[in-house]
PDB file of N, CA and C in Angstrom:
ATOM      1  N   MET A   1      85.040 104.734  95.460  1.00  0.00           N
ATOM      2  CA  MET A   1      86.341 105.351  95.662  1.00  0.00           C
ATOM      3  C   MET A   1      87.429 104.311  95.405  1.00  0.00           C
ATOM      4  N   ASP A   2      88.410 104.662  94.635  1.00  0.00           N
ATOM      5  CA  ASP A   2      89.505 103.772  94.289  1.00  0.00           C
ATOM      6  C   ASP A   2      90.563 103.818  95.385  1.00  0.00           C
ATOM      7  N   ASN A   3      90.806 102.656  95.984  1.00  0.00           N
ATOM      8  CA  ASN A   3      91.849 102.568  96.996  1.00  0.00           C
ATOM      9  C   ASN A   3      93.096 101.997  96.344  1.00  0.00           C
ATOM     10  N   LYS A   4      94.140 102.770  96.311  1.00  0.00           N
ATOM     11  CA  LYS A   4      95.386 102.374  95.646  1.00  0.00           C
ATOM     12  C   LYS A   4      96.080 101.212  96.343  1.00  0.00           C
ATOM     13  N   PHE A   5      95.640 100.869  97.538  1.00  0.00           N
ATOM     14  CA  PHE A   5      96.287  99.822  98.309  1.00  0.00           C
ATOM     15  C   PHE A   5      95.557  98.482  98.224  1.00  0.00           C
ATOM     16  N   ASN A   6      94.382  98.437  97.583  1.00  0.00           N
ATOM     17  CA  ASN A   6      93.573  97.214  97.553  1.00  0.00           C
ATOM     18  C   ASN A   6      94.297  96.016  96.963  1.00  0.00           C
ATOM     19  N   HIS A   7      95.087  96.221  95.951  1.00  0.00           N
ATOM     20  CA  HIS A   7      95.750  95.114  95.259  1.00  0.00           C
ATOM     21  C   HIS A   7      97.065  94.686  95.920  1.00  0.00           C
ATOM     22  N   LEU A   8      97.426  95.314  97.017  1.00  0.00           N
ATOM     23  CA  LEU A   8      98.702  95.026  97.680  1.00  0.00           C
ATOM     24  C   LEU A   8      98.509  94.102  98.878  1.00  0.00           C
ATOM     25  N   THR A   9      99.565  93.380  99.219  1.00  0.00           N
ATOM     26  CA  THR A   9      99.545  92.596 100.453  1.00  0.00           C
ATOM     27  C   THR A   9      99.690  93.552 101.641  1.00  0.00           C
ATOM     28  N   THR A  10      99.432  93.045 102.817  1.00  0.00           N
ATOM     29  CA  THR A  10      99.598  93.854 104.030  1.00  0.00           C
ATOM     30  C   THR A  10     101.039  94.333 104.154  1.00  0.00           C
ATOM     31  N   GLU A  11     101.983  93.463 103.859  1.00  0.00           N
ATOM     32  CA  GLU A  11     103.397  93.824 103.963  1.00  0.00           C
ATOM     33  C   GLU A  11     103.763  94.929 102.973  1.00  0.00           C
ATOM     34  N   GLN A  12     103.245  94.818 101.756  1.00  0.00           N
ATOM     35  CA  GLN A  12     103.522  95.848 100.748  1.00  0.00           C
ATOM     36  C   GLN A  12     102.909  97.186 101.153  1.00  0.00           C
ATOM     37  N   SER A  13     101.679  97.138 101.650  1.00  0.00           N
ATOM     38  CA  SER A  13     101.012  98.369 102.104  1.00  0.00           C
ATOM     39  C   SER A  13     101.771  99.003 103.260  1.00  0.00           C
ATOM     40  N   ASN A  14     102.185  98.167 104.211  1.00  0.00           N
ATOM     41  CA  ASN A  14     102.949  98.679 105.351  1.00  0.00           C
ATOM     42  C   ASN A  14     104.240  99.343 104.893  1.00  0.00           C
ATOM     43  N   LEU A  15     104.905  98.737 103.929  1.00  0.00           N
ATOM     44  CA  LEU A  15     106.158  99.293 103.423  1.00  0.00           C
ATOM     45  C   LEU A  15     105.936 100.652 102.759  1.00  0.00           C
ATOM     46  N   ILE A  16     104.870 100.778 101.980  1.00  0.00           N
ATOM     47  CA  ILE A  16     104.573 102.055 101.316  1.00  0.00           C
ATOM     48  C   ILE A  16     104.273 103.135 102.349  1.00  0.00           C
ATOM     49  N   ILE A  17     103.449 102.810 103.339  1.00  0.00           N
ATOM     50  CA  ILE A  17     103.119 103.793 104.381  1.00  0.00           C
ATOM     51  C   ILE A  17     104.377 104.170 105.160  1.00  0.00           C
ATOM     52  N   LEU A  18     105.185 103.182 105.514  1.00  0.00           N
ATOM     53  CA  LEU A  18     106.430 103.456 106.232  1.00  0.00           C
ATOM     54  C   LEU A  18     107.343 104.365 105.425  1.00  0.00           C
ATOM     55  N   LYS A  19     107.536 104.060 104.160  1.00  0.00           N
ATOM     56  CA  LYS A  19     108.408 104.879 103.303  1.00  0.00           C
ATOM     57  C   LYS A  19     107.843 106.290 103.146  1.00  0.00           C
ATOM     58  N   ALA A  20     106.524 106.394 102.994  1.00  0.00           N
ATOM     59  CA  ALA A  20     105.898 107.718 102.876  1.00  0.00           C
ATOM     60  C   ALA A  20     106.135 108.531 104.143  1.00  0.00           C
ATOM     61  N   LEU A  21     105.961 107.899 105.301  1.00  0.00           N
ATOM     62  CA  LEU A  21     106.186 108.606 106.565  1.00  0.00           C
ATOM     63  C   LEU A  21     107.646 109.028 106.710  1.00  0.00           C
ATOM     64  N   CYS A  22     108.560 108.187 106.266  1.00  0.00           N
ATOM     65  CA  CYS A  22     109.987 108.541 106.332  1.00  0.00           C
ATOM     66  C   CYS A  22     110.297 109.744 105.442  1.00  0.00           C
ATOM     67  N   ILE A  23     109.679 109.798 104.278  1.00  0.00           N
ATOM     68  CA  ILE A  23     109.868 110.953 103.388  1.00  0.00           C
ATOM     69  C   ILE A  23     109.268 112.203 104.015  1.00  0.00           C
ATOM     70  N   LEU A  24     108.115 112.048 104.662  1.00  0.00           N
ATOM     71  CA  LEU A  24     107.425 113.191 105.274  1.00  0.00           C
ATOM     72  C   LEU A  24     108.145 113.729 106.505  1.00  0.00           C
ATOM     73  N   GLU A  25     109.248 113.104 106.894  1.00  0.00           N
ATOM     74  CA  GLU A  25     109.990 113.546 108.076  1.00  0.00           C
ATOM     75  C   GLU A  25     110.483 114.988 107.948  1.00  0.00           C
ATOM     76  N   GLU A  26     110.784 115.427 106.744  1.00  0.00           N
ATOM     77  CA  GLU A  26     111.285 116.789 106.556  1.00  0.00           C
ATOM     78  C   GLU A  26     110.198 117.803 106.902  1.00  0.00           C
ATOM     79  N   LYS A  27     110.573 118.806 107.661  1.00  0.00           N
ATOM     80  CA  LYS A  27     109.623 119.803 108.173  1.00  0.00           C
ATOM     81  C   LYS A  27     108.831 120.486 107.062  1.00  0.00           C
ATOM     82  N   LYS A  28     109.444 120.668 105.894  1.00  0.00           N
ATOM     83  CA  LYS A  28     108.745 121.353 104.805  1.00  0.00           C
ATOM     84  C   LYS A  28     107.488 120.608 104.375  1.00  0.00           C
ATOM     85  N   TYR A  29     107.418 119.304 104.662  1.00  0.00           N
ATOM     86  CA  TYR A  29     106.254 118.521 104.257  1.00  0.00           C
ATOM     87  C   TYR A  29     105.099 118.608 105.249  1.00  0.00           C
ATOM     88  N   SER A  30     105.236 119.455 106.249  1.00  0.00           N
ATOM     89  CA  SER A  30     104.120 119.661 107.174  1.00  0.00           C
ATOM     90  C   SER A  30     103.118 120.662 106.607  1.00  0.00           C
ATOM     91  N   GLN A  31     103.346 121.095 105.365  1.00  0.00           N
ATOM     92  CA  GLN A  31     102.415 121.984 104.655  1.00  0.00           C
ATOM     93  C   GLN A  31     101.957 121.285 103.382  1.00  0.00           C
ATOM     94  N   LEU A  32     100.656 121.322 103.133  1.00  0.00           N
ATOM     95  CA  LEU A  32     100.079 120.601 101.998  1.00  0.00           C
ATOM     96  C   LEU A  32     100.638 121.068 100.657  1.00  0.00           C
ATOM     97  N   ALA A  33     101.002 122.333 100.550  1.00  0.00           N
ATOM     98  CA  ALA A  33     101.552 122.863  99.293  1.00  0.00           C
ATOM     99  C   ALA A  33     102.846 122.150  98.898  1.00  0.00           C
ATOM    100  N   ASN A  34     103.514 121.554  99.867  1.00  0.00           N
ATOM    101  CA  ASN A  34     104.778 120.858  99.611  1.00  0.00           C
ATOM    102  C   ASN A  34     104.624 119.338  99.557  1.00  0.00           C
ATOM    103  N   TRP A  35     103.390 118.849  99.391  1.00  0.00           N
ATOM    104  CA  TRP A  35     103.153 117.401  99.365  1.00  0.00           C
ATOM    105  C   TRP A  35     104.085 116.758  98.338  1.00  0.00           C
ATOM    106  N   PRO A  36     104.892 115.780  98.750  1.00  0.00           N
ATOM    107  CA  PRO A  36     105.957 115.277  97.877  1.00  0.00           C
ATOM    108  C   PRO A  36     105.555 114.188  96.876  1.00  0.00           C
ATOM    109  N   PHE A  37     104.329 113.704  96.952  1.00  0.00           N
ATOM    110  CA  PHE A  37     103.940 112.570  96.116  1.00  0.00           C
ATOM    111  C   PHE A  37     102.964 112.991  95.025  1.00  0.00           C
ATOM    112  N   GLU A  38     103.236 112.565  93.808  1.00  0.00           N
ATOM    113  CA  GLU A  38     102.341 112.869  92.693  1.00  0.00           C
ATOM    114  C   GLU A  38     101.254 111.816  92.540  1.00  0.00           C
ATOM    115  N   ASP A  39     101.578 110.578  92.866  1.00  0.00           N
ATOM    116  CA  ASP A  39     100.647 109.485  92.611  1.00  0.00           C
ATOM    117  C   ASP A  39      99.890 108.998  93.841  1.00  0.00           C
ATOM    118  N   ILE A  40     100.206 109.528  95.002  1.00  0.00           N
ATOM    119  CA  ILE A  40      99.505 109.166  96.236  1.00  0.00           C
ATOM    120  C   ILE A  40      99.075 110.452  96.932  1.00  0.00           C
ATOM    121  N   SER A  41      97.789 110.547  97.206  1.00  0.00           N
ATOM    122  CA  SER A  41      97.269 111.754  97.859  1.00  0.00           C
ATOM    123  C   SER A  41      97.328 111.607  99.374  1.00  0.00           C
ATOM    124  N   ILE A  42      97.119 112.708 100.042  1.00  0.00           N
ATOM    125  CA  ILE A  42      97.066 112.695 101.500  1.00  0.00           C
ATOM    126  C   ILE A  42      95.907 111.813 101.967  1.00  0.00           C
ATOM    127  N   ASP A  43      94.823 111.799 101.195  1.00  0.00           N
ATOM    128  CA  ASP A  43      93.682 110.949 101.542  1.00  0.00           C
ATOM    129  C   ASP A  43      94.000 109.472 101.342  1.00  0.00           C
ATOM    130  N   ASP A  44      94.777 109.145 100.315  1.00  0.00           N
ATOM    131  CA  ASP A  44      95.199 107.753 100.119  1.00  0.00           C
ATOM    132  C   ASP A  44      95.988 107.265 101.333  1.00  0.00           C
ATOM    133  N   ILE A  45      96.917 108.093 101.785  1.00  0.00           N
ATOM    134  CA  ILE A  45      97.733 107.743 102.954  1.00  0.00           C
ATOM    135  C   ILE A  45      96.842 107.593 104.180  1.00  0.00           C
ATOM    136  N   PHE A  46      95.964 108.568 104.406  1.00  0.00           N
ATOM    137  CA  PHE A  46      95.114 108.498 105.592  1.00  0.00           C
ATOM    138  C   PHE A  46      94.176 107.301 105.537  1.00  0.00           C
ATOM    139  N   ASN A  47      93.564 107.050 104.383  1.00  0.00           N
ATOM    140  CA  ASN A  47      92.630 105.925 104.281  1.00  0.00           C
ATOM    141  C   ASN A  47      93.312 104.606 104.621  1.00  0.00           C
ATOM    142  N   GLN A  48      94.556 104.451 104.198  1.00  0.00           N
ATOM    143  CA  GLN A  48      95.278 103.221 104.527  1.00  0.00           C
ATOM    144  C   GLN A  48      95.614 103.176 106.015  1.00  0.00           C
ATOM    145  N   ILE A  49      95.993 104.298 106.593  1.00  0.00           N
ATOM    146  CA  ILE A  49      96.268 104.329 108.034  1.00  0.00           C
ATOM    147  C   ILE A  49      94.984 104.066 108.818  1.00  0.00           C
ATOM    148  N   GLN A  50      93.869 104.597 108.351  1.00  0.00           N
ATOM    149  CA  GLN A  50      92.570 104.334 108.986  1.00  0.00           C
ATOM    150  C   GLN A  50      92.246 102.839 108.925  1.00  0.00           C
ATOM    151  N   TYR A  51      92.510 102.224 107.786  1.00  0.00           N
ATOM    152  CA  TYR A  51      92.290 100.783 107.627  1.00  0.00           C
ATOM    153  C   TYR A  51      93.165 100.006 108.612  1.00  0.00           C
ATOM    154  N   ILE A  52      94.422 100.382 108.718  1.00  0.00           N
ATOM    155  CA  ILE A  52      95.341  99.742 109.665  1.00  0.00           C
ATOM    156  C   ILE A  52      94.810  99.904 111.087  1.00  0.00           C
ATOM    157  N   TYR A  53      94.381 101.099 111.418  1.00  0.00           N
ATOM    158  CA  TYR A  53      93.902 101.423 112.761  1.00  0.00           C
ATOM    159  C   TYR A  53      92.641 100.635 113.123  1.00  0.00           C
ATOM    160  N   SER A  54      91.808 100.342 112.136  1.00  0.00           N
ATOM    161  CA  SER A  54      90.511  99.710 112.392  1.00  0.00           C
ATOM    162  C   SER A  54      90.602  98.212 112.667  1.00  0.00           C
ATOM    163  N   ASP A  55      91.733  97.601 112.419  1.00  0.00           N
ATOM    164  CA  ASP A  55      91.904  96.163 112.625  1.00  0.00           C
ATOM    165  C   ASP A  55      93.086  95.944 113.568  1.00  0.00           C
ATOM    166  N   SER A  56      92.814  95.406 114.744  1.00  0.00           N
ATOM    167  CA  SER A  56      93.866  95.302 115.764  1.00  0.00           C
ATOM    168  C   SER A  56      95.026  94.409 115.325  1.00  0.00           C
ATOM    169  N   VAL A  57      94.756  93.366 114.569  1.00  0.00           N
ATOM    170  CA  VAL A  57      95.833  92.485 114.104  1.00  0.00           C
ATOM    171  C   VAL A  57      96.721  93.221 113.103  1.00  0.00           C
ATOM    172  N   ILE A  58      96.097  93.895 112.155  1.00  0.00           N
ATOM    173  CA  ILE A  58      96.854  94.656 111.152  1.00  0.00           C
ATOM    174  C   ILE A  58      97.604  95.804 111.821  1.00  0.00           C
ATOM    175  N   LYS A  59      96.966  96.439 112.799  1.00  0.00           N
ATOM    176  CA  LYS A  59      97.614  97.535 113.532  1.00  0.00           C
ATOM    177  C   LYS A  59      98.857  97.028 114.257  1.00  0.00           C
ATOM    178  N   ASP A  60      98.743  95.883 114.929  1.00  0.00           N
ATOM    179  CA  ASP A  60      99.898  95.317 115.633  1.00  0.00           C
ATOM    180  C   ASP A  60     101.038  94.992 114.670  1.00  0.00           C
ATOM    181  N   LYS A  61     100.698  94.444 113.509  1.00  0.00           N
ATOM    182  CA  LYS A  61     101.727  94.132 112.507  1.00  0.00           C
ATOM    183  C   LYS A  61     102.412  95.407 112.017  1.00  0.00           C
ATOM    184  N   PHE A  62     101.613  96.456 111.798  1.00  0.00           N
ATOM    185  CA  PHE A  62     102.184  97.719 111.330  1.00  0.00           C
ATOM    186  C   PHE A  62     103.114  98.320 112.380  1.00  0.00           C
ATOM    187  N   ILE A  63     102.690  98.296 113.627  1.00  0.00           N
ATOM    188  CA  ILE A  63     103.512  98.845 114.708  1.00  0.00           C
ATOM    189  C   ILE A  63     104.821  98.065 114.822  1.00  0.00           C
ATOM    190  N   LYS A  64     104.746  96.748 114.761  1.00  0.00           N
ATOM    191  CA  LYS A  64     105.968  95.927 114.815  1.00  0.00           C
ATOM    192  C   LYS A  64     106.864  96.212 113.615  1.00  0.00           C
ATOM    193  N   PHE A  65     106.256  96.417 112.458  1.00  0.00           N
ATOM    194  CA  PHE A  65     107.004  96.739 111.247  1.00  0.00           C
ATOM    195  C   PHE A  65     107.757  98.059 111.425  1.00  0.00           C
ATOM    196  N   CYS A  66     107.073  99.057 111.975  1.00  0.00           N
ATOM    197  CA  CYS A  66     107.702 100.360 112.224  1.00  0.00           C
ATOM    198  C   CYS A  66     108.811 100.243 113.261  1.00  0.00           C
ATOM    199  N   LEU A  67     108.559  99.494 114.325  1.00  0.00           N
ATOM    200  CA  LEU A  67     109.575  99.312 115.368  1.00  0.00           C
ATOM    201  C   LEU A  67     110.810  98.609 114.817  1.00  0.00           C
ATOM    202  N   SER A  68     110.594  97.622 113.976  1.00  0.00           N
ATOM    203  CA  SER A  68     111.710  96.918 113.349  1.00  0.00           C
ATOM    204  C   SER A  68     112.544  97.876 112.499  1.00  0.00           C
ATOM    205  N   HIS A  69     111.860  98.744 111.764  1.00  0.00           N
ATOM    206  CA  HIS A  69     112.556  99.742 110.939  1.00  0.00           C
ATOM    207  C   HIS A  69     113.375 100.692 111.816  1.00  0.00           C
ATOM    208  N   ILE A  70     112.770 101.164 112.889  1.00  0.00           N
ATOM    209  CA  ILE A  70     113.458 102.095 113.795  1.00  0.00           C
ATOM    210  C   ILE A  70     114.693 101.431 114.400  1.00  0.00           C
ATOM    211  N   GLU A  71     114.540 100.183 114.853  1.00  0.00           N
ATOM    212  CA  GLU A  71     115.667  99.472 115.463  1.00  0.00           C
ATOM    213  C   GLU A  71     116.784  99.217 114.456  1.00  0.00           C
ATOM    214  N   LYS A  72     116.407  98.820 113.248  1.00  0.00           N
ATOM    215  CA  LYS A  72     117.405  98.483 112.234  1.00  0.00           C
ATOM    216  C   LYS A  72     118.144  99.720 111.742  1.00  0.00           C
ATOM    217  N   LYS A  73     117.412 100.792 111.476  1.00  0.00           N
ATOM    218  CA  LYS A  73     118.017 102.003 110.913  1.00  0.00           C
ATOM    219  C   LYS A  73     118.585 102.935 111.977  1.00  0.00           C
ATOM    220  N   LYS A  74     118.166 102.737 113.225  1.00  0.00           N
ATOM    221  CA  LYS A  74     118.595 103.608 114.329  1.00  0.00           C
ATOM    222  C   LYS A  74     118.243 105.072 114.054  1.00  0.00           C
ATOM    223  N   GLN A  75     117.073 105.271 113.452  1.00  0.00           N
ATOM    224  CA  GLN A  75     116.587 106.627 113.203  1.00  0.00           C
ATOM    225  C   GLN A  75     115.072 106.645 113.369  1.00  0.00           C
ATOM    226  N   TYR A  76     114.553 107.812 113.625  1.00  0.00           N
ATOM    227  CA  TYR A  76     113.148 107.964 113.978  1.00  0.00           C
ATOM    228  C   TYR A  76     112.364 108.727 112.916  1.00  0.00           C
ATOM    229  N   SER A  77     112.762 108.586 111.672  1.00  0.00           N
ATOM    230  CA  SER A  77     112.118 109.341 110.595  1.00  0.00           C
ATOM    231  C   SER A  77     110.634 109.017 110.479  1.00  0.00           C
ATOM    232  N   VAL A  78     110.249 107.779 110.769  1.00  0.00           N
ATOM    233  CA  VAL A  78     108.836 107.410 110.695  1.00  0.00           C
ATOM    234  C   VAL A  78     108.017 108.202 111.725  1.00  0.00           C
ATOM    235  N   ILE A  79     108.584 108.424 112.901  1.00  0.00           N
ATOM    236  CA  ILE A  79     107.899 109.202 113.943  1.00  0.00           C
ATOM    237  C   ILE A  79     107.818 110.668 113.530  1.00  0.00           C
ATOM    238  N   GLU A  80     108.918 111.215 113.035  1.00  0.00           N
ATOM    239  CA  GLU A  80     108.920 112.607 112.568  1.00  0.00           C
ATOM    240  C   GLU A  80     107.913 112.797 111.434  1.00  0.00           C
ATOM    241  N   GLY A  81     107.850 111.825 110.540  1.00  0.00           N
ATOM    242  CA  GLY A  81     106.876 111.887 109.452  1.00  0.00           C
ATOM    243  C   GLY A  81     105.452 111.873 109.968  1.00  0.00           C
ATOM    244  N   MET A  82     105.213 111.087 111.005  1.00  0.00           N
ATOM    245  CA  MET A  82     103.877 111.033 111.603  1.00  0.00           C
ATOM    246  C   MET A  82     103.527 112.381 112.226  1.00  0.00           C
ATOM    247  N   PHE A  83     104.487 113.014 112.905  1.00  0.00           N
ATOM    248  CA  PHE A  83     104.243 114.346 113.471  1.00  0.00           C
ATOM    249  C   PHE A  83     103.871 115.345 112.369  1.00  0.00           C
ATOM    250  N   ASN A  84     104.593 115.308 111.251  1.00  0.00           N
ATOM    251  CA  ASN A  84     104.306 116.236 110.151  1.00  0.00           C
ATOM    252  C   ASN A  84     102.967 115.935 109.490  1.00  0.00           C
ATOM    253  N   LEU A  85     102.613 114.655 109.389  1.00  0.00           N
ATOM    254  CA  LEU A  85     101.305 114.299 108.831  1.00  0.00           C
ATOM    255  C   LEU A  85     100.185 114.796 109.747  1.00  0.00           C
ATOM    256  N   ILE A  86     100.382 114.671 111.036  1.00  0.00           N
ATOM    257  CA  ILE A  86      99.399 115.194 111.997  1.00  0.00           C
ATOM    258  C   ILE A  86      99.273 116.707 111.840  1.00  0.00           C
ATOM    259  N   ALA A  87     100.388 117.401 111.687  1.00  0.00           N
ATOM    260  CA  ALA A  87     100.359 118.859 111.488  1.00  0.00           C
ATOM    261  C   ALA A  87      99.574 119.219 110.230  1.00  0.00           C
ATOM    262  N   LEU A  88      99.749 118.432 109.181  1.00  0.00           N
ATOM    263  CA  LEU A  88      98.991 118.664 107.943  1.00  0.00           C
ATOM    264  C   LEU A  88      97.493 118.563 108.196  1.00  0.00           C
ATOM    265  N   PHE A  89      97.090 117.525 108.902  1.00  0.00           N
ATOM    266  CA  PHE A  89      95.668 117.330 109.177  1.00  0.00           C
ATOM    267  C   PHE A  89      95.127 118.395 110.131  1.00  0.00           C
ATOM    268  N   GLU A  90      95.960 118.860 111.043  1.00  0.00           N
ATOM    269  CA  GLU A  90      95.532 119.963 111.914  1.00  0.00           C
ATOM    270  C   GLU A  90      95.306 121.225 111.094  1.00  0.00           C
ATOM    271  N   ASP A  91      96.200 121.505 110.151  1.00  0.00           N
ATOM    272  CA  ASP A  91      96.027 122.675 109.276  1.00  0.00           C
ATOM    273  C   ASP A  91      94.757 122.568 108.438  1.00  0.00           C
ATOM    274  N   LEU A  92      94.405 121.343 108.058  1.00  0.00           N
ATOM    275  CA  LEU A  92      93.183 121.119 107.275  1.00  0.00           C
ATOM    276  C   LEU A  92      91.938 121.050 108.166  1.00  0.00           C
ATOM    277  N   GLU A  93      92.149 121.195 109.474  1.00  0.00           N
ATOM    278  CA  GLU A  93      91.085 121.130 110.475  1.00  0.00           C
ATOM    279  C   GLU A  93      90.337 119.800 110.426  1.00  0.00           C
ATOM    280  N   ARG A  94      91.080 118.734 110.178  1.00  0.00           N
ATOM    281  CA  ARG A  94      90.527 117.376 110.173  1.00  0.00           C
ATOM    282  C   ARG A  94      90.922 116.716 111.495  1.00  0.00           C
ATOM    283  N   TYR A  95      90.325 117.237 112.560  1.00  0.00           N
ATOM    284  CA  TYR A  95      90.739 116.870 113.904  1.00  0.00           C
ATOM    285  C   TYR A  95      90.414 115.420 114.261  1.00  0.00           C
ATOM    286  N   GLU A  96      89.302 114.897 113.755  1.00  0.00           N
ATOM    287  CA  GLU A  96      88.975 113.499 114.032  1.00  0.00           C
ATOM    288  C   GLU A  96      90.008 112.573 113.397  1.00  0.00           C
ATOM    289  N   ASP A  97      90.501 112.955 112.231  1.00  0.00           N
ATOM    290  CA  ASP A  97      91.552 112.174 111.582  1.00  0.00           C
ATOM    291  C   ASP A  97      92.857 112.267 112.368  1.00  0.00           C
ATOM    292  N   CYS A  98      93.096 113.417 112.987  1.00  0.00           N
ATOM    293  CA  CYS A  98      94.296 113.585 113.823  1.00  0.00           C
ATOM    294  C   CYS A  98      94.296 112.590 114.979  1.00  0.00           C
ATOM    295  N   ILE A  99      93.119 112.304 115.511  1.00  0.00           N
ATOM    296  CA  ILE A  99      93.022 111.364 116.629  1.00  0.00           C
ATOM    297  C   ILE A  99      93.528 109.987 116.209  1.00  0.00           C
ATOM    298  N   VAL A 100      93.123 109.542 115.029  1.00  0.00           N
ATOM    299  CA  VAL A 100      93.581 108.247 114.515  1.00  0.00           C
ATOM    300  C   VAL A 100      95.097 108.252 114.358  1.00  0.00           C
ATOM    301  N   LEU A 101      95.621 109.303 113.738  1.00  0.00           N
ATOM    302  CA  LEU A 101      97.067 109.401 113.518  1.00  0.00           C
ATOM    303  C   LEU A 101      97.830 109.447 114.838  1.00  0.00           C
ATOM    304  N   LYS A 102      97.317 110.216 115.795  1.00  0.00           N
ATOM    305  CA  LYS A 102      97.984 110.321 117.097  1.00  0.00           C
ATOM    306  C   LYS A 102      97.961 108.990 117.838  1.00  0.00           C
ATOM    307  N   ASN A 103      96.866 108.251 117.722  1.00  0.00           N
ATOM    308  CA  ASN A 103      96.796 106.953 118.390  1.00  0.00           C
ATOM    309  C   ASN A 103      97.813 105.969 117.823  1.00  0.00           C
ATOM    310  N   ILE A 104      97.968 105.965 116.505  1.00  0.00           N
ATOM    311  CA  ILE A 104      98.979 105.101 115.882  1.00  0.00           C
ATOM    312  C   ILE A 104     100.379 105.536 116.335  1.00  0.00           C
ATOM    313  N   LYS A 105     100.642 106.842 116.283  1.00  0.00           N
ATOM    314  CA  LYS A 105     101.953 107.369 116.703  1.00  0.00           C
ATOM    315  C   LYS A 105     102.235 107.005 118.159  1.00  0.00           C
ATOM    316  N   ASP A 106     101.250 107.200 119.018  1.00  0.00           N
ATOM    317  CA  ASP A 106     101.431 106.900 120.439  1.00  0.00           C
ATOM    318  C   ASP A 106     101.681 105.410 120.672  1.00  0.00           C
ATOM    319  N   SER A 107     100.995 104.564 119.919  1.00  0.00           N
ATOM    320  CA  SER A 107     101.216 103.119 120.045  1.00  0.00           C
ATOM    321  C   SER A 107     102.646 102.754 119.668  1.00  0.00           C
ATOM    322  N   ILE A 108     103.145 103.357 118.604  1.00  0.00           N
ATOM    323  CA  ILE A 108     104.530 103.102 118.195  1.00  0.00           C
ATOM    324  C   ILE A 108     105.489 103.576 119.288  1.00  0.00           C
ATOM    325  N   LEU A 109     105.256 104.780 119.813  1.00  0.00           N
ATOM    326  CA  LEU A 109     106.149 105.323 120.844  1.00  0.00           C
ATOM    327  C   LEU A 109     106.110 104.499 122.127  1.00  0.00           C
ATOM    328  N   LEU A 110     104.919 104.052 122.527  1.00  0.00           N
ATOM    329  CA  LEU A 110     104.815 103.241 123.741  1.00  0.00           C
ATOM    330  C   LEU A 110     105.541 101.915 123.580  1.00  0.00           C
ATOM    331  N   ASP A 111     105.345 101.267 122.443  1.00  0.00           N
ATOM    332  CA  ASP A 111     106.035 100.001 122.205  1.00  0.00           C
ATOM    333  C   ASP A 111     107.531 100.218 122.037  1.00  0.00           C
ATOM    334  N   LEU A 112     107.922 101.352 121.509  1.00  0.00           N
ATOM    335  CA  LEU A 112     109.340 101.666 121.345  1.00  0.00           C
ATOM    336  C   LEU A 112     110.022 101.759 122.704  1.00  0.00           C
ATOM    337  N   GLN A 113     109.333 102.328 123.682  1.00  0.00           N
ATOM    338  CA  GLN A 113     109.903 102.436 125.025  1.00  0.00           C
ATOM    339  C   GLN A 113     110.169 101.061 125.619  1.00  0.00           C
ATOM    340  N   ARG A 114     109.304 100.093 125.314  1.00  0.00           N
ATOM    341  CA  ARG A 114     109.488  98.738 125.834  1.00  0.00           C
ATOM    342  C   ARG A 114     110.672  98.044 125.174  1.00  0.00           C
ATOM    343  N   VAL A 115     110.933  98.402 123.927  1.00  0.00           N
ATOM    344  CA  VAL A 115     112.002  97.765 123.158  1.00  0.00           C
ATOM    345  C   VAL A 115     113.367  98.316 123.541  1.00  0.00           C
ATOM    346  N   ILE A 116     113.415  99.620 123.810  1.00  0.00           N
ATOM    347  CA  ILE A 116     114.707 100.283 124.083  1.00  0.00           C
ATOM    348  C   ILE A 116     115.279  99.893 125.411  1.00  0.00           C
TER     349      ILE A 116
END
């Protein structure tokens, strides 16, 4: 399986996932028929999030990266995008994948409470 993120640094991968989640913030993207990316599939996004989730150091860096974005932009589009991505996976009945996504989202929200 070709992973589109293999040739990228952790920072580059984090930026792509963050930007994708920010785009997914719009409610219309909670349906697969409206997937906004031509060159990145829902599985590409999930596989990278799964990779982030599986390594505690990488996960911590990603969470800090997201928190930094939220603090700097003063907007929560990354969280809204995560909610819509979870809705997509629920519609696809990929419930085990939802657990991974929810854990990442919850980690961001918990750390966000400490920052605010």
